[in-house]
Amino acid sequence: MEAGLRRSRRALVALAVLAILSGAVFALQGLRFLPSRVMYGEPLWVVVGSAMVVCGAIALWAVRR
């Protein structure tokens, strides 16, 4: 039981970090800091990326406590 719980926590931490990193990339592309064909300069991606960073941070905090 303990090993399964540890594995689940690792998976959730990995998903939270992935959400934070990809959200940051989306937001930076929307803010025109990183080049992109689709997301460059689009305010929608700033909002989506920021929301992903916040959700990932909350998930990471919840798993780590």
Protein backbone atom coordinates (compact mmCIF):
# COMPACT_ATOMS: atom_id res chain seq x y z
CA MET A 1 0.00 0.00 0.00
CA GLU A 2 2.76 2.43 0.90
CA ALA A 3 4.65 1.86 -2.37
CA GLY A 4 1.52 2.54 -4.41
CA LEU A 5 0.89 5.78 -2.56
CA ARG A 6 4.47 6.91 -3.13
CA ARG A 7 4.18 6.13 -6.83
CA SER A 8 0.93 8.08 -7.07
CA ARG A 9 2.47 11.08 -5.35
CA ARG A 10 5.45 11.02 -7.70
CA ALA A 11 3.11 10.92 -10.69
CA LEU A 12 1.09 13.85 -9.33
CA VAL A 13 4.24 15.85 -8.66
CA ALA A 14 5.42 15.16 -12.21
CA LEU A 15 2.07 16.28 -13.66
CA ALA A 16 2.06 19.42 -11.51
CA VAL A 17 5.58 20.35 -12.62
CA LEU A 18 4.63 19.67 -16.24
CA ALA A 19 1.59 21.94 -15.90
CA ILE A 20 3.72 24.69 -14.38
CA LEU A 21 6.40 24.50 -17.06
CA SER A 22 4.03 24.25 -20.03
CA GLY A 23 1.84 27.00 -18.60
CA ALA A 24 4.86 29.25 -18.27
CA VAL A 25 5.78 28.59 -21.89
CA PHE A 26 2.23 29.35 -23.03
CA ALA A 27 2.17 32.60 -21.06
CA LEU A 28 5.58 33.68 -22.34
CA GLN A 29 4.52 32.99 -25.92
CA GLY A 30 1.36 35.01 -25.39
CA LEU A 31 3.47 37.85 -23.99
CA ARG A 32 5.78 37.69 -27.05
CA PHE A 33 8.85 36.58 -25.09
CA LEU A 34 9.09 33.23 -26.87
CA PRO A 35 8.43 32.75 -30.58
CA SER A 36 5.42 30.76 -31.74
CA ARG A 37 3.36 30.60 -34.91
CA VAL A 38 -0.01 30.25 -33.21
CA MET A 39 0.27 31.67 -29.69
CA TYR A 40 2.55 34.65 -30.31
CA GLY A 41 0.99 37.83 -28.99
CA GLU A 42 -2.39 36.28 -28.20
CA PRO A 43 -3.82 37.39 -24.83
CA LEU A 44 -5.82 34.16 -24.55
CA TRP A 45 -2.61 32.17 -24.09
CA VAL A 46 -1.42 34.48 -21.34
CA VAL A 47 -4.62 33.70 -19.43
CA VAL A 48 -4.52 29.97 -20.16
CA GLY A 49 -0.82 29.72 -19.31
CA SER A 50 -1.20 31.68 -16.09
CA ALA A 51 -4.12 29.49 -15.04
CA MET A 52 -2.05 26.37 -15.72
CA VAL A 53 0.82 27.71 -13.60
CA VAL A 54 -1.52 28.52 -10.71
CA CYS A 55 -3.30 25.14 -10.90
CA GLY A 56 0.01 23.31 -11.11
CA ALA A 57 1.36 25.20 -8.12
CA ILE A 58 -1.75 24.44 -6.07
CA ALA A 59 -1.55 20.76 -7.02
CA LEU A 60 2.15 20.66 -6.13
CA TRP A 61 1.46 22.33 -2.78
CA ALA A 62 -1.38 19.90 -2.04
CA VAL A 63 0.69 16.82 -2.85
CA ARG A 64 3.77 17.99 -0.93
CA ARG A 65 2.03 18.82 2.35
